[in-house]
């Protein structure tokens, strides 16, 4: 049994849920963070000193594995349960996946965060249109870059679905769910539609933002 702490409204928790479902893992999820609390309790901080979600505890032959940081968790689960499939064995393919996962966390997510926070988590009367505009201006070139990349291949790391598609799929789901106009990105849209058809994405890519 894989234990996961984190509320499903978190884009980072959704990555882990989707990964577990792709791998057919039994998952016990405990709501944590935000209105659910838990993350500042001493026991939780002893496992994750950042006081953030997600956090997993996984039983292995060598004892429990405790991990935080969503993309690291995705890598770990795919390496343990889908080596050569979701976790590429060949180094060029593996590190192509790794670099796009890092790009999601360090470039795409920070760019889009303010638009998400303003549209979804800020009352309408308190929204800052300037922050939304800045976020859109930062994010749209990155989405165009990803669209151009996907014009050359069906999935982020090549010909097949891998661990790299999960964090980016969750990020694009969040951006596409915002109530604002966006340019046409045909290759990005084709890729995202293909992700939505995957059984592992049920309950993740079909959920409203909150």
N, C-alpha and C. Protein backbone atom coordinates (compact mmCIF):
# COMPACT_ATOMS: atom_id res chain seq x y z
N UNK A 1 0.84 -1.20 0.00
CA UNK A 1 0.00 0.00 0.00
C UNK A 1 0.87 1.25 0.00
N UNK A 2 0.61 2.12 -0.96
CA UNK A 2 1.30 3.40 -1.04
C UNK A 2 0.47 4.43 -0.31
N UNK A 3 1.06 5.12 0.65
CA UNK A 3 0.37 6.17 1.39
C UNK A 3 0.76 7.53 0.84
N UNK A 4 -0.24 8.37 0.65
CA UNK A 4 -0.03 9.71 0.11
C UNK A 4 -0.78 10.72 0.96
N UNK A 5 -0.10 11.80 1.32
CA UNK A 5 -0.74 12.91 2.01
C UNK A 5 -0.83 14.08 1.03
N UNK A 6 -2.03 14.63 0.90
CA UNK A 6 -2.20 15.80 0.06
C UNK A 6 -3.61 15.90 -0.49
N UNK A 7 -4.10 17.12 -0.60
CA UNK A 7 -5.44 17.37 -1.14
C UNK A 7 -5.39 17.33 -2.67
N UNK A 8 -6.46 16.86 -3.29
CA UNK A 8 -6.48 16.67 -4.73
C UNK A 8 -6.53 17.99 -5.48
N UNK A 9 -6.84 19.09 -4.81
CA UNK A 9 -6.83 20.39 -5.48
C UNK A 9 -5.41 20.86 -5.81
N UNK A 10 -4.41 20.22 -5.23
CA UNK A 10 -3.01 20.59 -5.48
C UNK A 10 -2.53 19.96 -6.78
N UNK A 11 -1.96 20.77 -7.67
CA UNK A 11 -1.43 20.24 -8.92
C UNK A 11 -0.33 19.22 -8.66
N UNK A 12 0.43 19.41 -7.60
CA UNK A 12 1.52 18.49 -7.29
C UNK A 12 1.01 17.16 -6.76
N UNK A 13 -0.07 17.18 -6.02
CA UNK A 13 -0.67 15.93 -5.54
C UNK A 13 -1.29 15.18 -6.72
N UNK A 14 -1.89 15.91 -7.65
CA UNK A 14 -2.50 15.26 -8.82
C UNK A 14 -1.47 14.47 -9.62
N UNK A 15 -0.26 14.97 -9.70
CA UNK A 15 0.79 14.23 -10.40
C UNK A 15 0.97 12.83 -9.81
N UNK A 16 1.01 12.78 -8.49
CA UNK A 16 1.27 11.51 -7.81
C UNK A 16 0.08 10.57 -7.95
N UNK A 17 -1.13 11.09 -7.82
CA UNK A 17 -2.32 10.26 -7.98
C UNK A 17 -2.36 9.67 -9.38
N UNK A 18 -2.13 10.50 -10.39
CA UNK A 18 -2.13 10.02 -11.76
C UNK A 18 -1.08 8.94 -11.96
N UNK A 19 0.12 9.16 -11.45
CA UNK A 19 1.19 8.16 -11.59
C UNK A 19 0.79 6.84 -10.96
N UNK A 20 0.27 6.90 -9.75
CA UNK A 20 -0.15 5.67 -9.07
C UNK A 20 -1.22 4.94 -9.86
N UNK A 21 -2.14 5.68 -10.45
CA UNK A 21 -3.22 5.06 -11.23
C UNK A 21 -2.67 4.46 -12.52
N UNK A 22 -1.72 5.14 -13.17
CA UNK A 22 -1.09 4.58 -14.36
C UNK A 22 -0.41 3.25 -14.04
N UNK A 23 0.15 3.15 -12.85
CA UNK A 23 0.91 1.97 -12.45
C UNK A 23 0.04 0.90 -11.80
N UNK A 24 -1.23 1.20 -11.57
CA UNK A 24 -2.13 0.24 -10.94
C UNK A 24 -1.81 -0.02 -9.49
N UNK A 25 -1.30 0.99 -8.78
CA UNK A 25 -0.91 0.82 -7.38
C UNK A 25 -2.08 1.09 -6.45
N UNK A 26 -2.17 0.31 -5.39
CA UNK A 26 -3.15 0.59 -4.34
C UNK A 26 -2.68 1.83 -3.60
N UNK A 27 -3.57 2.79 -3.48
CA UNK A 27 -3.19 4.10 -2.93
C UNK A 27 -4.12 4.48 -1.79
N UNK A 28 -3.53 4.84 -0.67
CA UNK A 28 -4.29 5.38 0.46
C UNK A 28 -3.93 6.85 0.57
N UNK A 29 -4.89 7.72 0.24
CA UNK A 29 -4.61 9.16 0.25
C UNK A 29 -5.31 9.82 1.43
N UNK A 30 -4.58 10.66 2.14
CA UNK A 30 -5.11 11.44 3.26
C UNK A 30 -5.10 12.90 2.87
N UNK A 31 -6.26 13.57 2.92
CA UNK A 31 -6.30 14.99 2.63
C UNK A 31 -5.41 15.74 3.61
N UNK A 32 -4.56 16.59 3.09
CA UNK A 32 -3.65 17.38 3.93
C UNK A 32 -3.32 18.66 3.18
N UNK A 33 -2.98 19.69 3.95
CA UNK A 33 -2.67 20.99 3.37
C UNK A 33 -3.92 21.82 3.21
N UNK A 34 -3.74 23.13 3.10
CA UNK A 34 -4.90 24.01 2.96
C UNK A 34 -5.82 23.90 4.13
N UNK A 35 -7.12 23.76 3.83
CA UNK A 35 -8.13 23.71 4.88
C UNK A 35 -8.07 22.42 5.70
N UNK A 36 -7.30 21.44 5.22
CA UNK A 36 -7.25 20.15 5.92
C UNK A 36 -6.17 20.11 7.00
N UNK A 37 -5.26 21.07 6.99
CA UNK A 37 -4.23 21.08 8.02
C UNK A 37 -3.26 19.92 7.89
N UNK A 38 -2.83 19.40 9.02
CA UNK A 38 -1.93 18.25 9.18
C UNK A 38 -0.47 18.62 8.92
N UNK A 39 -0.21 19.45 7.92
CA UNK A 39 1.16 19.65 7.46
C UNK A 39 2.05 20.40 8.45
N UNK A 40 1.45 21.04 9.47
CA UNK A 40 2.27 21.71 10.49
C UNK A 40 2.37 20.89 11.77
N UNK A 41 1.78 19.70 11.76
CA UNK A 41 1.85 18.85 12.95
C UNK A 41 3.25 18.25 13.07
N UNK A 42 3.72 18.03 14.31
CA UNK A 42 5.09 17.53 14.50
C UNK A 42 5.38 16.24 13.74
N UNK A 43 4.45 15.31 13.76
CA UNK A 43 4.71 14.04 13.06
C UNK A 43 4.93 14.26 11.58
N UNK A 44 4.08 15.10 10.99
CA UNK A 44 4.22 15.36 9.55
C UNK A 44 5.53 16.08 9.25
N UNK A 45 5.86 17.07 10.05
CA UNK A 45 7.10 17.81 9.84
C UNK A 45 8.33 16.93 10.03
N UNK A 46 8.18 15.90 10.82
CA UNK A 46 9.28 14.95 10.97
C UNK A 46 9.53 14.16 9.70
N UNK A 47 8.46 13.98 8.89
CA UNK A 47 8.59 13.28 7.62
C UNK A 47 8.92 14.24 6.48
N UNK A 48 8.33 15.43 6.52
CA UNK A 48 8.58 16.44 5.50
C UNK A 48 8.78 17.78 6.19
N UNK A 49 10.02 18.18 6.41
CA UNK A 49 10.28 19.42 7.15
C UNK A 49 9.82 20.68 6.44
N UNK A 50 9.48 20.57 5.14
CA UNK A 50 8.96 21.72 4.40
C UNK A 50 7.53 22.06 4.77
N UNK A 51 6.81 21.08 5.32
CA UNK A 51 5.41 21.31 5.67
C UNK A 51 4.53 21.51 4.46
N UNK A 52 4.85 20.84 3.36
CA UNK A 52 4.09 20.96 2.12
C UNK A 52 3.57 19.60 1.69
N UNK A 53 2.74 19.59 0.66
CA UNK A 53 2.27 18.35 0.04
C UNK A 53 2.77 18.34 -1.40
N UNK A 54 2.96 17.13 -1.94
CA UNK A 54 2.64 15.80 -1.41
C UNK A 54 3.77 15.21 -0.57
N UNK A 55 3.42 14.16 0.12
CA UNK A 55 4.36 13.32 0.86
C UNK A 55 3.90 11.89 0.66
N UNK A 56 4.84 10.99 0.40
CA UNK A 56 4.47 9.57 0.31
C UNK A 56 5.29 8.75 1.30
N UNK A 57 4.70 7.63 1.67
CA UNK A 57 5.41 6.58 2.40
C UNK A 57 5.13 5.27 1.68
N UNK A 58 6.19 4.61 1.24
CA UNK A 58 6.07 3.40 0.43
C UNK A 58 6.86 2.28 1.08
N UNK A 59 6.24 1.14 1.22
CA UNK A 59 6.94 -0.01 1.80
C UNK A 59 7.81 -0.67 0.75
N UNK A 60 9.04 -0.94 1.11
CA UNK A 60 9.95 -1.66 0.22
C UNK A 60 10.67 -2.73 1.03
N UNK A 61 11.43 -3.57 0.34
CA UNK A 61 12.15 -4.64 1.02
C UNK A 61 13.12 -4.11 2.05
N UNK A 62 13.64 -2.90 1.80
CA UNK A 62 14.60 -2.32 2.73
C UNK A 62 13.97 -1.47 3.81
N UNK A 63 12.63 -1.45 3.86
CA UNK A 63 11.92 -0.64 4.84
C UNK A 63 11.17 0.48 4.16
N UNK A 64 10.47 1.31 4.94
CA UNK A 64 9.65 2.36 4.33
C UNK A 64 10.50 3.42 3.63
N UNK A 65 10.01 3.85 2.46
CA UNK A 65 10.62 4.94 1.71
C UNK A 65 9.73 6.16 1.86
N UNK A 66 10.28 7.24 2.40
CA UNK A 66 9.53 8.48 2.60
C UNK A 66 10.11 9.53 1.65
N UNK A 67 9.23 10.12 0.84
CA UNK A 67 9.68 11.10 -0.13
C UNK A 67 8.72 12.27 -0.21
N UNK A 68 9.26 13.46 -0.44
CA UNK A 68 8.47 14.62 -0.79
C UNK A 68 9.09 15.21 -2.06
N UNK A 69 8.48 16.25 -2.62
CA UNK A 69 8.79 16.81 -3.94
C UNK A 69 8.11 15.96 -5.02
N UNK A 70 7.10 16.54 -5.65
CA UNK A 70 6.21 15.78 -6.51
C UNK A 70 6.92 15.12 -7.68
N UNK A 71 7.78 15.84 -8.39
CA UNK A 71 8.42 15.22 -9.54
C UNK A 71 9.38 14.12 -9.15
N UNK A 72 10.01 14.25 -7.99
CA UNK A 72 10.85 13.17 -7.47
C UNK A 72 10.02 11.94 -7.17
N UNK A 73 8.85 12.14 -6.61
CA UNK A 73 7.96 11.01 -6.32
C UNK A 73 7.54 10.32 -7.61
N UNK A 74 7.20 11.10 -8.63
CA UNK A 74 6.82 10.52 -9.93
C UNK A 74 7.98 9.69 -10.48
N UNK A 75 9.20 10.23 -10.43
CA UNK A 75 10.36 9.50 -10.92
C UNK A 75 10.55 8.18 -10.15
N UNK A 76 10.46 8.28 -8.83
CA UNK A 76 10.67 7.09 -7.99
C UNK A 76 9.66 6.00 -8.31
N UNK A 77 8.39 6.35 -8.37
CA UNK A 77 7.36 5.34 -8.62
C UNK A 77 7.53 4.72 -9.99
N UNK A 78 7.85 5.55 -10.99
CA UNK A 78 8.03 5.00 -12.34
C UNK A 78 9.29 4.14 -12.43
N UNK A 79 10.35 4.54 -11.74
CA UNK A 79 11.57 3.74 -11.76
C UNK A 79 11.35 2.40 -11.06
N UNK A 80 10.57 2.41 -10.00
CA UNK A 80 10.35 1.16 -9.25
C UNK A 80 9.40 0.23 -9.97
N UNK A 81 8.36 0.78 -10.60
CA UNK A 81 7.29 -0.07 -11.12
C UNK A 81 7.18 -0.10 -12.63
N UNK A 82 7.89 0.79 -13.34
CA UNK A 82 7.73 0.83 -14.80
C UNK A 82 9.05 1.12 -15.49
N UNK A 83 10.12 0.49 -15.01
CA UNK A 83 11.44 0.67 -15.61
C UNK A 83 11.40 0.19 -17.06
N UNK A 84 11.85 1.04 -17.95
CA UNK A 84 11.83 0.70 -19.36
C UNK A 84 10.53 1.04 -20.05
N UNK A 85 9.57 1.50 -19.28
CA UNK A 85 8.28 1.90 -19.87
C UNK A 85 8.04 3.37 -19.56
N UNK A 86 7.43 3.69 -18.42
CA UNK A 86 7.25 5.09 -18.06
C UNK A 86 8.58 5.73 -17.65
N UNK A 87 9.48 4.94 -17.14
CA UNK A 87 10.82 5.40 -16.78
C UNK A 87 11.80 4.84 -17.80
N UNK A 88 12.21 5.63 -18.78
CA UNK A 88 13.05 5.08 -19.85
C UNK A 88 14.38 4.54 -19.33
N UNK A 89 14.80 3.41 -19.89
CA UNK A 89 16.10 2.85 -19.51
C UNK A 89 17.25 3.50 -20.25
N UNK A 90 17.06 3.79 -21.54
CA UNK A 90 18.13 4.41 -22.33
C UNK A 90 18.38 5.82 -21.82
N UNK A 91 19.62 6.15 -21.58
CA UNK A 91 19.94 7.44 -20.97
C UNK A 91 19.47 8.64 -21.79
N UNK A 92 19.61 8.65 -23.11
CA UNK A 92 19.11 9.82 -23.85
C UNK A 92 17.63 10.06 -23.64
N UNK A 93 16.82 9.00 -23.69
CA UNK A 93 15.38 9.15 -23.49
C UNK A 93 15.07 9.51 -22.04
N UNK A 94 15.81 8.90 -21.11
CA UNK A 94 15.55 9.19 -19.69
C UNK A 94 15.81 10.66 -19.38
N UNK A 95 16.91 11.18 -19.88
CA UNK A 95 17.23 12.56 -19.52
C UNK A 95 16.48 13.57 -20.35
N UNK A 96 15.95 13.16 -21.50
CA UNK A 96 14.99 14.02 -22.19
C UNK A 96 13.75 14.18 -21.32
N UNK A 97 13.29 13.09 -20.72
CA UNK A 97 12.15 13.17 -19.81
C UNK A 97 12.49 14.01 -18.58
N UNK A 98 13.67 13.79 -18.03
CA UNK A 98 14.09 14.53 -16.84
C UNK A 98 14.11 16.04 -17.09
N UNK A 99 14.66 16.45 -18.24
CA UNK A 99 14.80 17.88 -18.47
C UNK A 99 13.44 18.57 -18.60
N UNK A 100 12.48 17.90 -19.22
CA UNK A 100 11.15 18.51 -19.34
C UNK A 100 10.41 18.54 -18.01
N UNK A 101 10.66 17.54 -17.17
CA UNK A 101 10.08 17.55 -15.83
C UNK A 101 10.65 18.71 -15.02
N UNK A 102 11.95 18.94 -15.14
CA UNK A 102 12.56 20.07 -14.44
C UNK A 102 12.02 21.39 -14.99
N UNK A 103 11.84 21.46 -16.30
CA UNK A 103 11.32 22.67 -16.94
C UNK A 103 9.91 22.98 -16.44
N UNK A 104 9.11 21.95 -16.27
CA UNK A 104 7.76 22.17 -15.72
C UNK A 104 7.84 22.83 -14.35
N UNK A 105 8.74 22.35 -13.53
CA UNK A 105 8.80 22.82 -12.15
C UNK A 105 9.47 24.19 -12.02
N UNK A 106 10.47 24.45 -12.87
CA UNK A 106 11.25 25.68 -12.69
C UNK A 106 10.85 26.82 -13.61
N UNK A 107 10.18 26.52 -14.72
CA UNK A 107 9.80 27.56 -15.69
C UNK A 107 8.29 27.68 -15.83
N UNK A 108 7.62 26.60 -16.22
CA UNK A 108 6.20 26.69 -16.55
C UNK A 108 5.33 26.94 -15.32
N UNK A 109 5.59 26.22 -14.25
CA UNK A 109 4.76 26.40 -13.05
C UNK A 109 4.88 27.80 -12.45
N UNK A 110 6.09 28.34 -12.25
CA UNK A 110 6.17 29.71 -11.72
C UNK A 110 5.52 30.75 -12.63
N UNK A 111 5.63 30.55 -13.95
CA UNK A 111 5.04 31.53 -14.87
C UNK A 111 3.53 31.58 -14.74
N UNK A 112 2.90 30.43 -14.62
CA UNK A 112 1.44 30.38 -14.62
C UNK A 112 0.78 30.52 -13.25
N UNK A 113 1.57 30.53 -12.20
CA UNK A 113 1.00 30.45 -10.86
C UNK A 113 0.09 31.63 -10.52
N UNK A 114 0.51 32.84 -10.86
CA UNK A 114 -0.29 33.99 -10.44
C UNK A 114 -1.65 34.03 -11.15
N UNK A 115 -1.69 33.68 -12.43
CA UNK A 115 -2.99 33.66 -13.11
C UNK A 115 -3.91 32.65 -12.45
N UNK A 116 -3.38 31.48 -12.10
CA UNK A 116 -4.20 30.48 -11.40
C UNK A 116 -4.67 31.01 -10.05
N UNK A 117 -3.77 31.56 -9.28
CA UNK A 117 -4.13 32.04 -7.95
C UNK A 117 -5.18 33.14 -8.03
N UNK A 118 -5.04 34.04 -8.99
CA UNK A 118 -5.99 35.14 -9.10
C UNK A 118 -7.36 34.66 -9.59
N UNK A 119 -7.38 33.84 -10.62
CA UNK A 119 -8.65 33.39 -11.18
C UNK A 119 -9.39 32.41 -10.27
N UNK A 120 -8.66 31.50 -9.65
CA UNK A 120 -9.30 30.38 -8.96
C UNK A 120 -9.34 30.55 -7.44
N UNK A 121 -8.34 31.16 -6.86
CA UNK A 121 -8.26 31.19 -5.39
C UNK A 121 -8.38 32.59 -4.80
N UNK A 122 -8.70 33.57 -5.61
CA UNK A 122 -8.88 34.93 -5.13
C UNK A 122 -10.31 35.37 -5.42
N UNK A 123 -11.03 35.90 -4.44
CA UNK A 123 -12.39 36.39 -4.71
C UNK A 123 -12.39 37.41 -5.85
N UNK A 124 -13.46 37.39 -6.64
CA UNK A 124 -13.51 38.24 -7.84
C UNK A 124 -13.23 39.70 -7.53
N UNK A 125 -13.77 40.20 -6.42
CA UNK A 125 -13.60 41.62 -6.09
C UNK A 125 -12.17 41.97 -5.72
N UNK A 126 -11.36 40.96 -5.43
CA UNK A 126 -9.99 41.21 -4.98
C UNK A 126 -8.95 40.88 -6.04
N UNK A 127 -9.36 40.44 -7.21
CA UNK A 127 -8.41 40.00 -8.24
C UNK A 127 -7.59 41.17 -8.77
N UNK A 128 -6.35 40.87 -9.07
CA UNK A 128 -5.43 41.87 -9.61
C UNK A 128 -5.21 41.56 -11.08
N UNK A 129 -5.82 42.36 -11.95
CA UNK A 129 -5.72 42.11 -13.39
C UNK A 129 -4.29 42.22 -13.89
N UNK A 130 -3.50 43.07 -13.26
CA UNK A 130 -2.10 43.23 -13.68
C UNK A 130 -1.30 41.95 -13.42
N UNK A 131 -1.56 41.30 -12.31
CA UNK A 131 -0.86 40.05 -12.02
C UNK A 131 -1.25 38.97 -13.02
N UNK A 132 -2.53 38.93 -13.37
CA UNK A 132 -2.99 37.96 -14.37
C UNK A 132 -2.28 38.23 -15.70
N UNK A 133 -2.26 39.49 -16.11
CA UNK A 133 -1.63 39.84 -17.38
C UNK A 133 -0.15 39.48 -17.40
N UNK A 134 0.55 39.73 -16.30
CA UNK A 134 1.97 39.37 -16.22
C UNK A 134 2.17 37.87 -16.34
N UNK A 135 1.29 37.12 -15.69
CA UNK A 135 1.38 35.66 -15.73
C UNK A 135 1.10 35.13 -17.13
N UNK A 136 0.10 35.69 -17.78
CA UNK A 136 -0.21 35.29 -19.15
C UNK A 136 0.96 35.59 -20.08
N UNK A 137 1.54 36.77 -19.93
CA UNK A 137 2.66 37.17 -20.78
C UNK A 137 3.87 36.25 -20.58
N UNK A 138 4.05 35.74 -19.38
CA UNK A 138 5.16 34.84 -19.10
C UNK A 138 4.88 33.41 -19.57
N UNK A 139 3.61 33.00 -19.50
CA UNK A 139 3.26 31.61 -19.77
C UNK A 139 3.06 31.31 -21.25
N UNK A 140 2.44 32.21 -21.98
CA UNK A 140 2.10 31.90 -23.37
C UNK A 140 3.32 31.57 -24.23
N UNK A 141 4.45 32.26 -24.09
CA UNK A 141 5.62 31.83 -24.88
C UNK A 141 6.11 30.43 -24.52
N UNK A 142 5.95 30.04 -23.26
CA UNK A 142 6.36 28.71 -22.84
C UNK A 142 5.43 27.65 -23.42
N UNK A 143 4.14 27.94 -23.45
CA UNK A 143 3.19 27.02 -24.07
C UNK A 143 3.46 26.91 -25.57
N UNK A 144 3.81 28.00 -26.20
CA UNK A 144 4.15 27.98 -27.63
C UNK A 144 5.40 27.13 -27.86
N UNK A 145 6.36 27.23 -26.96
CA UNK A 145 7.58 26.42 -27.04
C UNK A 145 7.23 24.93 -26.95
N UNK A 146 6.38 24.58 -25.99
CA UNK A 146 5.96 23.19 -25.83
C UNK A 146 5.17 22.72 -27.05
N UNK A 147 4.32 23.58 -27.59
CA UNK A 147 3.57 23.25 -28.80
C UNK A 147 4.52 22.93 -29.95
N UNK A 148 5.55 23.74 -30.14
CA UNK A 148 6.52 23.51 -31.20
C UNK A 148 7.27 22.19 -30.99
N UNK A 149 7.59 21.89 -29.74
CA UNK A 149 8.26 20.63 -29.42
C UNK A 149 7.36 19.45 -29.78
N UNK A 150 6.08 19.54 -29.46
CA UNK A 150 5.15 18.44 -29.71
C UNK A 150 4.75 18.35 -31.18
N UNK A 151 5.11 19.32 -31.98
CA UNK A 151 4.91 19.21 -33.43
C UNK A 151 5.84 18.16 -34.03
N UNK A 152 6.92 17.84 -33.32
CA UNK A 152 7.93 16.92 -33.84
C UNK A 152 7.78 15.50 -33.33
N UNK A 153 6.96 15.30 -32.31
CA UNK A 153 6.83 13.96 -31.73
C UNK A 153 5.53 13.90 -30.93
N UNK A 154 4.98 12.69 -30.75
CA UNK A 154 3.66 12.60 -30.11
C UNK A 154 3.66 12.87 -28.61
N UNK A 155 4.77 12.59 -27.93
CA UNK A 155 4.81 12.77 -26.48
C UNK A 155 6.05 13.59 -26.10
N UNK A 156 6.08 14.02 -24.88
CA UNK A 156 7.12 14.95 -24.45
C UNK A 156 8.52 14.39 -24.64
N UNK A 157 8.72 13.11 -24.30
CA UNK A 157 10.06 12.53 -24.38
C UNK A 157 10.27 11.68 -25.63
N UNK A 158 9.31 11.68 -26.55
CA UNK A 158 9.51 10.90 -27.76
C UNK A 158 8.25 10.25 -28.26
N UNK A 159 8.37 9.01 -28.69
CA UNK A 159 7.26 8.31 -29.35
C UNK A 159 6.26 7.72 -28.38
N UNK A 160 6.62 7.62 -27.12
CA UNK A 160 5.77 6.92 -26.15
C UNK A 160 5.51 7.79 -24.91
N UNK A 161 4.38 7.52 -24.28
CA UNK A 161 4.02 8.16 -23.01
C UNK A 161 5.04 7.75 -21.96
N UNK A 162 5.56 8.74 -21.23
CA UNK A 162 6.51 8.47 -20.15
C UNK A 162 6.18 9.33 -18.94
N UNK A 163 7.03 9.23 -17.94
CA UNK A 163 6.85 10.01 -16.71
C UNK A 163 6.81 11.51 -17.00
N UNK A 164 7.47 11.96 -18.07
CA UNK A 164 7.52 13.39 -18.36
C UNK A 164 6.16 13.97 -18.69
N UNK A 165 5.28 13.16 -19.26
CA UNK A 165 3.97 13.66 -19.67
C UNK A 165 3.07 13.96 -18.48
N UNK A 166 3.34 13.36 -17.35
CA UNK A 166 2.44 13.52 -16.19
C UNK A 166 2.53 14.91 -15.56
N UNK A 167 3.71 15.39 -15.16
CA UNK A 167 3.76 16.75 -14.59
C UNK A 167 3.31 17.82 -15.59
N UNK A 168 3.73 17.67 -16.85
CA UNK A 168 3.34 18.66 -17.85
C UNK A 168 1.86 18.59 -18.15
N UNK A 169 1.31 17.39 -18.16
CA UNK A 169 -0.13 17.26 -18.38
C UNK A 169 -0.94 17.92 -17.28
N UNK A 170 -0.49 17.77 -16.04
CA UNK A 170 -1.18 18.42 -14.91
C UNK A 170 -1.07 19.94 -15.01
N UNK A 171 0.08 20.43 -15.42
CA UNK A 171 0.27 21.88 -15.55
C UNK A 171 -0.59 22.45 -16.66
N UNK A 172 -0.65 21.77 -17.80
CA UNK A 172 -1.47 22.24 -18.91
C UNK A 172 -2.95 22.16 -18.56
N UNK A 173 -3.34 21.11 -17.85
CA UNK A 173 -4.73 21.01 -17.38
C UNK A 173 -5.09 22.24 -16.56
N UNK A 174 -4.21 22.67 -15.72
CA UNK A 174 -4.48 23.84 -14.88
C UNK A 174 -4.58 25.11 -15.73
N UNK A 175 -3.71 25.26 -16.70
CA UNK A 175 -3.75 26.46 -17.53
C UNK A 175 -4.99 26.48 -18.43
N UNK A 176 -5.30 25.36 -19.02
CA UNK A 176 -6.47 25.27 -19.91
C UNK A 176 -7.77 25.45 -19.15
N UNK A 177 -7.76 25.22 -17.84
CA UNK A 177 -8.96 25.37 -17.04
C UNK A 177 -9.27 26.78 -16.59
N UNK A 178 -8.37 27.72 -16.86
CA UNK A 178 -8.60 29.10 -16.45
C UNK A 178 -9.62 29.76 -17.37
N UNK A 179 -10.48 30.62 -16.83
CA UNK A 179 -11.55 31.25 -17.62
C UNK A 179 -11.05 32.45 -18.42
N UNK A 180 -10.14 32.18 -19.35
CA UNK A 180 -9.57 33.26 -20.14
C UNK A 180 -9.28 32.74 -21.55
N UNK A 181 -9.22 33.65 -22.49
CA UNK A 181 -8.90 33.27 -23.86
C UNK A 181 -7.43 32.88 -23.96
N UNK A 182 -7.13 32.04 -24.94
CA UNK A 182 -5.75 31.64 -25.18
C UNK A 182 -5.56 31.40 -26.67
N UNK A 183 -4.33 31.49 -27.13
CA UNK A 183 -4.06 31.21 -28.54
C UNK A 183 -4.32 29.74 -28.87
N UNK A 184 -4.39 29.45 -30.15
CA UNK A 184 -4.49 28.06 -30.59
C UNK A 184 -3.09 27.45 -30.59
N UNK A 185 -2.97 26.32 -29.92
CA UNK A 185 -1.73 25.56 -29.92
C UNK A 185 -2.09 24.14 -30.36
N UNK A 186 -2.17 23.88 -31.66
CA UNK A 186 -2.76 22.62 -32.15
C UNK A 186 -2.03 21.37 -31.69
N UNK A 187 -0.73 21.40 -31.62
CA UNK A 187 0.02 20.20 -31.23
C UNK A 187 -0.08 19.96 -29.73
N UNK A 188 -0.07 21.01 -28.97
CA UNK A 188 -0.27 20.91 -27.53
C UNK A 188 -1.68 20.40 -27.23
N UNK A 189 -2.65 20.90 -27.94
CA UNK A 189 -4.05 20.48 -27.72
C UNK A 189 -4.24 19.01 -28.11
N UNK A 190 -3.63 18.59 -29.22
CA UNK A 190 -3.72 17.18 -29.62
C UNK A 190 -3.12 16.27 -28.56
N UNK A 191 -1.95 16.66 -28.06
CA UNK A 191 -1.29 15.87 -27.01
C UNK A 191 -2.14 15.82 -25.75
N UNK A 192 -2.67 16.97 -25.33
CA UNK A 192 -3.46 17.00 -24.10
C UNK A 192 -4.72 16.16 -24.24
N UNK A 193 -5.36 16.20 -25.38
CA UNK A 193 -6.55 15.38 -25.60
C UNK A 193 -6.21 13.89 -25.50
N UNK A 194 -5.04 13.51 -25.99
CA UNK A 194 -4.64 12.10 -25.87
C UNK A 194 -4.41 11.71 -24.42
N UNK A 195 -3.90 12.62 -23.62
CA UNK A 195 -3.72 12.33 -22.19
C UNK A 195 -5.05 12.14 -21.49
N UNK A 196 -6.04 12.93 -21.86
CA UNK A 196 -7.35 12.86 -21.22
C UNK A 196 -8.03 11.52 -21.43
N UNK A 197 -7.65 10.79 -22.48
CA UNK A 197 -8.27 9.50 -22.76
C UNK A 197 -7.65 8.36 -21.95
N UNK A 198 -6.57 8.61 -21.27
CA UNK A 198 -5.90 7.56 -20.52
C UNK A 198 -6.67 7.25 -19.24
N UNK A 199 -6.84 5.97 -18.96
CA UNK A 199 -7.60 5.58 -17.77
C UNK A 199 -6.90 6.06 -16.50
N UNK A 200 -5.57 6.13 -16.52
CA UNK A 200 -4.85 6.59 -15.34
C UNK A 200 -5.10 8.04 -14.99
N UNK A 201 -5.56 8.81 -15.99
CA UNK A 201 -5.81 10.24 -15.76
C UNK A 201 -7.22 10.51 -15.23
N UNK A 202 -8.04 9.49 -15.13
CA UNK A 202 -9.40 9.68 -14.61
C UNK A 202 -9.35 10.18 -13.16
N UNK A 203 -10.15 11.18 -12.86
CA UNK A 203 -10.14 11.76 -11.54
C UNK A 203 -9.05 12.78 -11.34
N UNK A 204 -8.26 13.02 -12.40
CA UNK A 204 -7.20 14.04 -12.35
C UNK A 204 -7.43 15.10 -13.42
N UNK A 205 -7.37 14.69 -14.68
CA UNK A 205 -7.52 15.65 -15.77
C UNK A 205 -8.97 15.99 -16.07
N UNK A 206 -9.89 15.30 -15.41
CA UNK A 206 -11.32 15.62 -15.60
C UNK A 206 -11.90 16.35 -14.39
N UNK A 207 -11.03 16.80 -13.49
CA UNK A 207 -11.50 17.49 -12.29
C UNK A 207 -11.46 19.01 -12.48
N UNK A 208 -12.46 19.73 -11.96
CA UNK A 208 -12.40 21.20 -12.02
C UNK A 208 -11.29 21.73 -11.13
N UNK A 209 -10.84 22.92 -11.43
CA UNK A 209 -9.82 23.55 -10.62
C UNK A 209 -10.43 24.08 -9.33
N UNK A 210 -9.64 24.07 -8.28
CA UNK A 210 -10.12 24.61 -6.99
C UNK A 210 -8.92 25.03 -6.16
